[in-house]
Amino acid sequence: MTDLIRLLFRTRKSGQGEGVPDFSTSLFFILGRYIEEMTMKYSAIAAGVILSTLGFSGTAHAEDDAFITALKEGKPLLNLRLRHEEVDSDGAAEDAQALTLRTRLGYQSGTLHGFDVLGEFEDTRIVGKVDNFAPHMTGYPVIADPEVTELNRAAVRYTGSDALDGLVATYGRQRIIYDNARFVGNVGWRQDEQTFDGAKLDYGTGDFSFSTAYLTQVNGFTPKFDANVSNTLFNASWAGMPGGSLTAYGYLLETDNVPDSDNDTYGLRYAGAFDLDAVKLLLTLEGAQQEVEAGDTEYYFAEVGAEMAGVTVKMAQEVLGSDDGQIAFQTPLATKHAFNGWADQFLVTPADGLKDSFVSVGTKLAGFKLAAVYHDFQAEEGSSDYGTETNLLVARPIGKHYVVGLKYADYNADDFGADTQKLWAWAELKL
């Protein structure tokens, strides 16, 4: 593995100077070396799992047929996303630019005796030497899409049980998204997806569903945020509530070898919709308590909205509380970009907490998805006016497999941060 890492490092350096064609060749070489190494390392384990799964008992030909059928019923996984990002911030001397290509390539098998397997590589590359951004260049704003090649997902899943119908067990590196991803998500907006190593159990029957997971590693949206952890997650939902569902959750987080890193969050969430002739009323209510070594904080969310004639309007307030201005409510495993403005000024909640009041409008027109959001940010503790932000989105699917889009964020600072404008343009293919 050490030799492989050195090779990767050399490849990255030479790729920066020689361009995409040379890198693509070396990338396939690296992937081949990695696959070879991992195959040798885990071949004995894999053989044992396969034999036990097949229930080897002298019916080799029949099992071989079943195995081949599972392979044939599988499907390849391919995702390409080319994206240009620009950042203009008064807090940096220069404007940042990045043109990156994210590639995911994998395979999802069919089912054999209730088991299936998934493997997926992920690679993010700078295209055309458009790489004027921090942290690898000083004086520029941050764009959190570094070059990286990694095993994004690799998991074994069990879905077949007559005794426990509705049970799904997953072990390995996997994507986990709970509810709206406010507390646990995959950070899907960034080119390097956040995934988790561990075991997960899901069970559903009727209106009830339950999920629990034990995580040993977080593979963050940049290598900087990778961490060895001992996290236990619980999420239970009942869809028999009037108009919607009620969810209870507990997320018990601890980073290994980091003293006093415990972060325990317990909460309730209601999400519902009520049809009233031509108008659909929308309501979401949520509250949570967070306990850390330095104190306790609270979280509140309330949103009301209406959908009529294809237009959805919502008004909401989200509060991430503070404990006397010393610590604030944090969501370390969340898809944070989806909350508190797309300019990403509040990825870490300020010590005085955050009160985000916002209104959003969304619709579809001539095949285009259109959205606009306006935020007003204030401190939860004290009287600071942090600033305001406007977000705009235009996106359009083309057939089943393609999406193009434009996205804009304009943060106007008062008592927090610096004026910041961000613009994205992207095209995506997904199979």
Protein backbone atom coordinates (compact mmCIF):
# COMPACT_ATOMS: atom_id res chain seq x y z
CA MET A 1 0.00 0.00 0.00
CA THR A 2 2.87 2.37 0.77
CA ASP A 3 4.23 1.96 -2.76
CA LEU A 4 0.80 2.59 -4.17
CA ILE A 5 0.41 5.79 -2.17
CA ARG A 6 3.79 7.00 -3.40
CA LEU A 7 2.77 6.18 -6.95
CA LEU A 8 -0.47 8.08 -6.53
CA PHE A 9 1.37 11.08 -5.16
CA ARG A 10 3.77 11.10 -8.11
CA THR A 11 0.90 10.68 -10.50
CA ARG A 12 -0.94 13.62 -9.03
CA LYS A 13 2.10 15.86 -9.32
CA SER A 14 2.83 14.88 -12.88
CA GLY A 15 -0.86 15.07 -13.77
CA GLN A 16 -0.99 18.69 -12.69
CA GLY A 17 1.66 19.51 -15.24
CA GLU A 18 0.73 17.13 -18.07
CA GLY A 19 -3.05 17.28 -18.33
CA VAL A 20 -5.98 14.96 -18.38
CA PRO A 21 -4.98 12.44 -21.12
CA ASP A 22 -1.81 11.43 -19.28
CA PHE A 23 -3.70 11.23 -16.01
CA SER A 24 -6.47 9.07 -17.36
CA THR A 25 -3.90 6.45 -18.35
CA SER A 26 -2.21 6.55 -14.97
CA LEU A 27 -5.57 6.51 -13.19
CA PHE A 28 -6.55 3.21 -14.72
CA PHE A 29 -3.12 1.87 -13.78
CA ILE A 30 -3.60 3.00 -10.17
CA LEU A 31 -7.07 1.50 -10.02
CA GLY A 32 -5.71 -1.75 -11.40
CA ARG A 33 -2.94 -1.85 -8.80
CA TYR A 34 -5.40 -1.05 -6.04
CA ILE A 35 -7.86 -3.71 -7.12
CA GLU A 36 -5.03 -6.25 -7.38
CA GLU A 37 -3.79 -5.43 -3.90
CA MET A 38 -7.23 -5.53 -2.31
CA THR A 39 -8.07 -8.76 -4.12
CA MET A 40 -4.95 -10.49 -2.80
CA LYS A 41 -5.56 -9.16 0.69
CA TYR A 42 -9.12 -10.29 0.99
CA SER A 43 -9.28 -13.31 -1.31
CA ALA A 44 -9.40 -15.82 1.55
CA ILE A 45 -12.15 -13.93 3.30
CA ALA A 46 -14.09 -13.54 0.10
CA ALA A 47 -13.79 -17.24 -0.68
CA GLY A 48 -15.13 -18.13 2.75
CA VAL A 49 -18.06 -15.76 2.42
CA ILE A 50 -18.95 -17.07 -1.03
CA LEU A 51 -18.78 -20.71 0.01
CA SER A 52 -20.87 -20.18 3.12
CA THR A 53 -23.36 -18.08 1.14
CA LEU A 54 -23.72 -20.81 -1.45
CA GLY A 55 -24.26 -23.38 1.24
CA PHE A 56 -21.83 -25.69 -0.56
CA SER A 57 -23.20 -29.26 -0.30
CA GLY A 58 -22.43 -31.14 -3.50
CA THR A 59 -24.80 -29.20 -5.77
CA ALA A 60 -22.04 -27.27 -7.43
CA HIS A 61 -23.57 -27.01 -10.87
CA ALA A 62 -26.87 -25.61 -9.62
CA GLU A 63 -25.09 -23.13 -7.40
CA ASP A 64 -22.82 -22.12 -10.24
CA ASP A 65 -25.91 -21.34 -12.29
CA ALA A 66 -27.34 -19.28 -9.44
CA PHE A 67 -24.07 -17.43 -9.08
CA ILE A 68 -23.90 -16.63 -12.80
CA THR A 69 -27.54 -15.50 -12.70
CA ALA A 70 -26.76 -13.12 -9.82
CA LEU A 71 -23.90 -11.65 -11.83
CA LYS A 72 -26.05 -11.24 -14.94
CA GLU A 73 -28.84 -9.59 -12.95
CA GLY A 74 -26.40 -7.02 -11.58
CA LYS A 75 -25.93 -3.59 -13.05
CA PRO A 76 -22.98 -1.29 -13.67
CA LEU A 77 -22.88 2.05 -11.87
CA LEU A 78 -21.61 5.14 -13.65
CA ASN A 79 -21.79 8.80 -12.69
CA LEU A 80 -19.91 11.70 -14.31
CA ARG A 81 -20.25 15.28 -13.08
CA LEU A 82 -18.31 18.13 -14.67
CA ARG A 83 -18.59 21.32 -12.63
CA HIS A 84 -17.21 24.84 -12.72
CA GLU A 85 -17.24 26.82 -9.48
CA GLU A 86 -16.34 30.48 -8.94
CA VAL A 87 -15.99 32.21 -5.57
CA ASP A 88 -15.65 35.95 -5.00
CA SER A 89 -15.11 36.77 -1.32
CA ASP A 90 -14.11 40.04 0.33
CA GLY A 91 -12.20 37.89 2.80
CA ALA A 92 -9.67 36.75 0.19
CA ALA A 93 -7.27 38.67 -2.04
CA GLU A 94 -8.13 36.70 -5.19
CA ASP A 95 -11.21 35.13 -6.77
CA ALA A 96 -11.25 31.34 -6.82
CA GLN A 97 -12.05 29.08 -9.76
CA ALA A 98 -12.21 25.32 -10.12
CA LEU A 99 -13.16 23.06 -13.02
CA THR A 100 -13.45 19.48 -11.78
CA LEU A 101 -14.66 16.17 -13.12
CA ARG A 102 -16.09 13.64 -10.68
CA THR A 103 -16.23 10.04 -11.87
CA ARG A 104 -17.90 7.16 -10.06
CA LEU A 105 -17.61 3.67 -11.47
CA GLY A 106 -18.99 0.58 -9.80
CA TYR A 107 -21.10 -2.55 -9.90
CA GLN A 108 -24.20 -3.69 -8.00
CA SER A 109 -24.72 -7.44 -8.14
CA GLY A 110 -27.98 -9.33 -8.29
CA THR A 111 -29.19 -11.34 -5.30
CA LEU A 112 -27.85 -14.76 -4.32
CA HIS A 113 -29.48 -16.48 -1.33
CA GLY A 114 -30.57 -13.08 -0.09
CA PHE A 115 -27.12 -11.48 -0.43
CA ASP A 116 -25.85 -8.86 -2.86
CA VAL A 117 -22.61 -6.93 -3.10
CA LEU A 118 -21.71 -3.40 -4.17
CA GLY A 119 -18.38 -1.84 -5.12
CA GLU A 120 -17.76 1.69 -6.36
CA PHE A 121 -14.65 3.80 -7.00
CA GLU A 122 -14.73 7.59 -6.98
CA ASP A 123 -12.25 9.97 -8.60
CA THR A 124 -12.16 13.78 -8.73
CA ARG A 125 -9.80 15.49 -11.17
CA ILE A 126 -8.96 19.09 -12.03
CA VAL A 127 -9.67 19.75 -15.70
CA GLY A 128 -7.75 22.18 -17.90
CA LYS A 129 -5.54 23.37 -15.02
CA VAL A 130 -8.43 25.51 -13.67
CA ASP A 131 -7.38 25.18 -10.04
CA ASN A 132 -7.04 28.63 -8.48
CA PHE A 133 -8.48 27.87 -5.05
CA ALA A 134 -7.53 27.14 -1.45
CA PRO A 135 -6.35 25.22 0.42
CA HIS A 136 -3.65 24.14 -2.04
CA MET A 137 -3.14 27.75 -3.24
CA THR A 138 -2.81 30.67 -0.83
CA GLY A 139 -4.68 33.94 -1.16
CA TYR A 140 -7.81 32.33 -2.63
CA PRO A 141 -11.17 31.31 -1.14
CA VAL A 142 -11.75 27.63 -0.37
CA ILE A 143 -13.37 25.30 -2.89
CA ALA A 144 -13.82 21.94 -1.16
CA ASP A 145 -13.29 19.70 -4.21
CA PRO A 146 -9.69 18.45 -4.01
CA GLU A 147 -8.26 15.83 -6.32
CA VAL A 148 -8.83 12.43 -4.76
CA THR A 149 -9.18 8.80 -5.80
CA GLU A 150 -10.81 6.40 -3.36
CA LEU A 151 -13.00 3.40 -2.79
CA ASN A 152 -16.30 5.22 -2.29
CA ARG A 153 -18.53 2.26 -1.41
CA ALA A 154 -17.91 -1.44 -0.83
CA ALA A 155 -20.60 -3.36 1.02
CA VAL A 156 -22.37 -6.69 1.43
CA ARG A 157 -26.12 -6.54 1.93
CA TYR A 158 -28.61 -9.14 3.14
CA THR A 159 -32.26 -8.69 2.17
CA GLY A 160 -33.72 -12.18 2.22
CA SER A 161 -35.36 -13.60 5.32
CA ASP A 162 -38.77 -15.27 5.54
CA ALA A 163 -38.60 -15.12 9.31
CA LEU A 164 -37.84 -11.39 9.36
CA ASP A 165 -39.52 -9.97 6.31
CA GLY A 166 -38.56 -6.33 5.88
CA LEU A 167 -35.09 -6.71 7.42
CA VAL A 168 -32.07 -5.37 5.52
CA ALA A 169 -28.52 -5.74 6.89
CA THR A 170 -25.58 -3.92 5.34
CA TYR A 171 -21.91 -4.24 6.22
CA GLY A 172 -19.02 -2.26 4.77
CA ARG A 173 -18.50 1.18 3.29
CA GLN A 174 -21.90 2.66 2.54
CA ARG A 175 -24.00 5.74 1.94
CA ILE A 176 -26.29 6.71 4.84
CA ILE A 177 -28.92 9.45 4.67
CA TYR A 178 -31.46 9.91 7.46
CA ASP A 179 -34.55 12.07 6.93
CA ASN A 180 -33.57 15.36 5.22
CA ALA A 181 -29.82 14.80 5.89
CA ARG A 182 -29.76 17.53 8.56
CA PHE A 183 -27.94 15.25 10.99
CA VAL A 184 -26.65 12.34 8.89
CA GLY A 185 -26.06 12.62 5.15
CA ASN A 186 -23.73 12.02 2.23
CA VAL A 187 -22.79 15.65 1.40
CA GLY A 188 -23.85 14.89 -2.16
CA TRP A 189 -23.21 18.41 -3.45
CA ARG A 190 -19.45 18.11 -3.09
CA GLN A 191 -17.56 16.07 -5.66
CA ASP A 192 -16.10 13.74 -3.01
CA GLU A 193 -19.09 12.08 -1.37
CA GLN A 194 -19.23 11.40 2.37
CA THR A 195 -19.64 7.70 3.17
CA PHE A 196 -19.35 5.57 6.31
CA ASP A 197 -17.66 2.31 7.33
CA GLY A 198 -19.73 0.12 9.60
CA ALA A 199 -22.79 -2.08 10.01
CA LYS A 200 -26.39 -1.00 9.50
CA LEU A 201 -29.74 -2.69 10.14
CA ASP A 202 -33.00 -1.48 8.60
CA TYR A 203 -36.42 -2.90 9.36
CA GLY A 204 -39.83 -1.86 8.11
CA THR A 205 -43.35 -3.23 8.52
CA GLY A 206 -46.53 -1.37 7.71
CA ASP A 207 -46.24 2.27 8.81
CA PHE A 208 -43.25 1.58 11.06
CA SER A 209 -39.59 1.70 10.07
CA PHE A 210 -36.43 1.49 12.13
CA SER A 211 -32.75 1.91 11.36
CA THR A 212 -29.64 1.57 13.48
CA ALA A 213 -25.98 1.73 12.57
CA TYR A 214 -22.61 1.41 14.21
CA LEU A 215 -19.87 3.34 12.43
CA THR A 216 -16.12 2.94 12.73
CA GLN A 217 -14.98 5.46 10.14
CA VAL A 218 -16.24 8.61 8.46
CA ASN A 219 -14.94 9.13 4.93
CA GLY A 220 -15.48 12.87 4.68
CA PHE A 221 -16.15 15.08 1.68
CA THR A 222 -12.43 15.84 1.66
CA PRO A 223 -9.65 13.63 3.10
CA LYS A 224 -9.18 16.31 5.77
CA PHE A 225 -12.46 15.24 7.37
CA ASP A 226 -11.78 11.49 7.41
CA ALA A 227 -11.92 10.19 10.96
CA ASN A 228 -11.93 7.00 12.99
CA VAL A 229 -15.05 7.04 15.11
CA SER A 230 -17.27 5.04 17.44
CA ASN A 231 -20.71 6.29 16.39
CA THR A 232 -24.07 4.70 17.16
CA LEU A 233 -27.12 5.88 15.21
CA PHE A 234 -30.83 5.25 15.82
CA ASN A 235 -33.72 6.43 13.66
CA ALA A 236 -37.34 5.23 13.97
CA SER A 237 -40.33 6.52 12.02
CA TRP A 238 -44.10 5.99 12.13
CA ALA A 239 -46.04 7.02 9.03
CA GLY A 240 -49.47 6.69 10.67
CA MET A 241 -49.57 10.28 11.93
CA PRO A 242 -52.28 12.60 10.54
CA GLY A 243 -50.92 13.95 7.27
CA GLY A 244 -47.46 12.50 7.57
CA SER A 245 -44.86 10.81 9.76
CA LEU A 246 -43.24 11.17 13.16
CA THR A 247 -39.55 10.31 13.53
CA ALA A 248 -37.53 9.81 16.71
CA TYR A 249 -33.74 9.66 16.57
CA GLY A 250 -30.60 9.43 18.61
CA TYR A 251 -27.11 10.02 17.23
CA LEU A 252 -24.30 9.17 19.65
CA LEU A 253 -20.99 10.36 18.20
CA GLU A 254 -17.40 9.99 19.40
CA THR A 255 -14.13 10.55 17.55
CA ASP A 256 -11.48 8.01 18.48
CA ASN A 257 -8.37 9.27 20.28
CA VAL A 258 -9.89 12.75 20.74
CA PRO A 259 -10.58 13.54 24.40
CA ASP A 260 -14.05 14.80 25.34
CA SER A 261 -15.37 14.37 21.78
CA ASP A 262 -18.73 12.85 22.75
CA ASN A 263 -21.65 14.47 20.93
CA ASP A 264 -25.07 12.97 21.75
CA THR A 265 -28.18 14.27 20.00
CA TYR A 266 -31.80 13.19 20.62
CA GLY A 267 -34.75 14.55 18.71
CA LEU A 268 -38.26 14.33 17.24
CA ARG A 269 -39.36 15.33 13.74
CA TYR A 270 -42.83 15.62 12.20
CA ALA A 271 -43.28 16.10 8.45
CA GLY A 272 -46.74 16.22 6.90
CA ALA A 273 -48.84 17.40 3.99
CA PHE A 274 -52.59 18.07 3.88
CA ASP A 275 -54.58 18.16 0.65
CA LEU A 276 -57.22 20.91 0.61
CA ASP A 277 -58.80 20.79 -2.83
CA ALA A 278 -56.47 22.84 -5.07
CA VAL A 279 -54.00 23.63 -2.27
CA LYS A 280 -51.64 21.31 -0.44
CA LEU A 281 -50.54 22.58 2.98
CA LEU A 282 -47.07 21.59 4.18
CA LEU A 283 -45.90 21.42 7.79
CA THR A 284 -42.60 20.35 9.35
CA LEU A 285 -41.74 20.59 13.05
CA GLU A 286 -38.55 19.37 14.71
CA GLY A 287 -36.75 19.67 18.01
CA ALA A 288 -33.55 18.16 19.38
CA GLN A 289 -31.29 18.25 22.42
CA GLN A 290 -27.51 17.95 22.13
CA GLU A 291 -25.15 17.01 24.95
CA VAL A 292 -21.38 17.55 24.79
CA GLU A 293 -18.68 17.73 27.44
CA ALA A 294 -18.81 21.55 27.60
CA GLY A 295 -22.59 21.90 27.90
CA ASP A 296 -26.03 21.30 26.42
CA THR A 297 -27.70 23.03 23.46
CA GLU A 298 -31.01 22.79 21.61
CA TYR A 299 -32.26 22.71 18.04
CA TYR A 300 -35.62 23.87 16.67
CA PHE A 301 -37.08 23.88 13.20
CA ALA A 302 -40.52 25.00 12.03
CA GLU A 303 -41.67 25.26 8.42
CA VAL A 304 -45.08 25.96 6.87
CA GLY A 305 -45.80 26.04 3.18
CA ALA A 306 -48.33 25.69 0.42
CA GLU A 307 -48.27 24.04 -2.98
CA MET A 308 -50.70 25.32 -5.62
CA ALA A 309 -50.70 25.20 -9.42
CA GLY A 310 -47.18 23.72 -9.45
CA VAL A 311 -45.68 26.47 -7.27
CA THR A 312 -44.39 25.73 -3.77
CA VAL A 313 -43.89 28.54 -1.22
CA LYS A 314 -42.40 27.90 2.23
CA MET A 315 -41.55 29.99 5.28
CA ALA A 316 -39.29 28.55 7.93
CA GLN A 317 -37.02 29.21 10.87
CA GLU A 318 -34.16 27.02 12.03
CA VAL A 319 -32.45 27.62 15.37
CA LEU A 320 -29.14 26.06 16.37
CA GLY A 321 -28.85 27.04 19.99
CA SER A 322 -26.00 28.28 22.17
CA ASP A 323 -25.00 27.61 25.76
CA ASP A 324 -24.30 31.13 27.07
CA GLY A 325 -22.17 31.94 24.04
CA GLN A 326 -19.60 29.28 24.95
CA ILE A 327 -20.61 26.45 22.61
CA ALA A 328 -23.24 25.97 19.94
CA PHE A 329 -25.28 23.15 18.45
CA GLN A 330 -23.25 21.29 15.77
CA THR A 331 -24.12 18.71 13.10
CA PRO A 332 -20.80 17.05 12.17
CA LEU A 333 -22.29 14.29 9.95
CA ALA A 334 -24.84 16.44 8.10
CA THR A 335 -25.12 17.45 4.47
CA LYS A 336 -24.47 21.01 5.59
CA HIS A 337 -24.52 22.67 2.16
CA ALA A 338 -28.28 22.10 1.94
CA PHE A 339 -28.87 24.26 5.04
CA ASN A 340 -28.19 27.85 6.12
CA GLY A 341 -27.38 29.13 2.65
CA TRP A 342 -25.43 27.76 -0.28
CA ALA A 343 -22.54 30.14 0.32
CA ASP A 344 -21.52 27.80 3.19
CA GLN A 345 -20.83 30.52 5.74
CA PHE A 346 -22.18 28.47 8.65
CA LEU A 347 -20.71 25.01 8.20
CA VAL A 348 -19.57 25.41 11.81
CA THR A 349 -22.20 27.05 13.99
CA PRO A 350 -20.84 30.23 15.67
CA ALA A 351 -20.50 30.09 19.45
CA ASP A 352 -23.50 32.45 19.84
CA GLY A 353 -25.66 30.01 17.90
CA LEU A 354 -27.60 30.64 14.71
CA LYS A 355 -31.16 31.71 13.93
CA ASP A 356 -31.93 31.26 10.23
CA SER A 357 -35.25 32.69 9.03
CA PHE A 358 -35.93 32.03 5.38
CA VAL A 359 -38.52 31.91 2.62
CA SER A 360 -38.31 29.73 -0.49
CA VAL A 361 -40.17 29.53 -3.79
CA GLY A 362 -39.90 26.61 -6.21
CA THR A 363 -41.60 25.51 -9.43
CA LYS A 364 -41.08 23.76 -12.77
CA LEU A 365 -41.38 25.63 -16.05
CA ALA A 366 -40.87 24.17 -19.54
CA GLY A 367 -38.92 21.26 -18.03
CA PHE A 368 -36.71 23.52 -15.90
CA LYS A 369 -36.55 23.31 -12.11
CA LEU A 370 -36.52 26.84 -10.65
CA ALA A 371 -35.87 27.77 -7.02
CA ALA A 372 -35.16 30.92 -5.01
CA VAL A 373 -34.39 31.23 -1.30
CA TYR A 374 -33.83 34.28 0.92
CA HIS A 375 -32.16 33.91 4.33
CA ASP A 376 -31.84 36.26 7.28
CA PHE A 377 -29.18 35.13 9.77
CA GLN A 378 -29.02 36.25 13.40
CA ALA A 379 -27.28 35.07 16.56
CA GLU A 380 -29.36 32.91 18.89
CA GLU A 381 -27.46 34.31 21.88
CA GLY A 382 -27.18 38.11 21.99
CA SER A 383 -28.28 40.56 19.31
CA SER A 384 -25.82 40.15 16.43
CA ASP A 385 -27.17 40.35 12.88
CA TYR A 386 -24.91 37.97 10.99
CA GLY A 387 -26.08 38.82 7.47
CA THR A 388 -28.46 37.88 4.67
CA GLU A 389 -28.22 35.58 1.67
CA THR A 390 -29.99 35.04 -1.64
CA ASN A 391 -29.88 31.65 -3.40
CA LEU A 392 -30.99 30.93 -7.01
CA LEU A 393 -31.17 27.63 -8.90
CA VAL A 394 -31.96 26.62 -12.48
CA ALA A 395 -31.64 22.95 -13.43
CA ARG A 396 -32.96 20.80 -16.24
CA PRO A 397 -32.99 17.04 -16.74
CA ILE A 398 -32.34 15.88 -20.31
CA GLY A 399 -33.89 12.47 -20.81
CA LYS A 400 -33.35 9.91 -18.05
CA HIS A 401 -29.60 10.19 -17.60
CA TYR A 402 -28.51 13.80 -17.98
CA VAL A 403 -28.85 16.96 -15.90
CA VAL A 404 -27.50 20.48 -16.48
CA GLY A 405 -27.75 23.34 -14.03
CA LEU A 406 -26.76 26.77 -12.75
CA LYS A 407 -26.65 27.77 -9.09
CA TYR A 408 -25.87 31.09 -7.40
CA ALA A 409 -25.34 32.23 -3.81
CA ASP A 410 -24.89 35.84 -2.62
CA TYR A 411 -24.06 36.32 1.08
CA ASN A 412 -24.13 39.92 2.41
CA ALA A 413 -22.25 40.09 5.71
CA ASP A 414 -23.14 42.34 8.64
CA ASP A 415 -21.65 41.02 11.89
CA PHE A 416 -20.27 37.71 10.64
CA GLY A 417 -17.94 36.68 7.83
CA ALA A 418 -17.35 38.56 4.59
CA ASP A 419 -19.43 39.36 1.52
CA THR A 420 -19.29 36.26 -0.68
CA GLN A 421 -20.68 35.31 -4.08
CA LYS A 422 -20.55 31.79 -5.49
CA LEU A 423 -21.56 30.53 -8.93
CA TRP A 424 -21.74 26.95 -10.18
CA ALA A 425 -22.42 25.50 -13.62
CA TRP A 426 -22.53 21.74 -14.10
CA ALA A 427 -23.47 18.85 -16.34
CA GLU A 428 -24.07 15.34 -15.01
CA LEU A 429 -24.55 11.86 -16.45
CA LYS A 430 -25.95 9.11 -14.24
CA LEU A 431 -26.70 5.47 -15.05
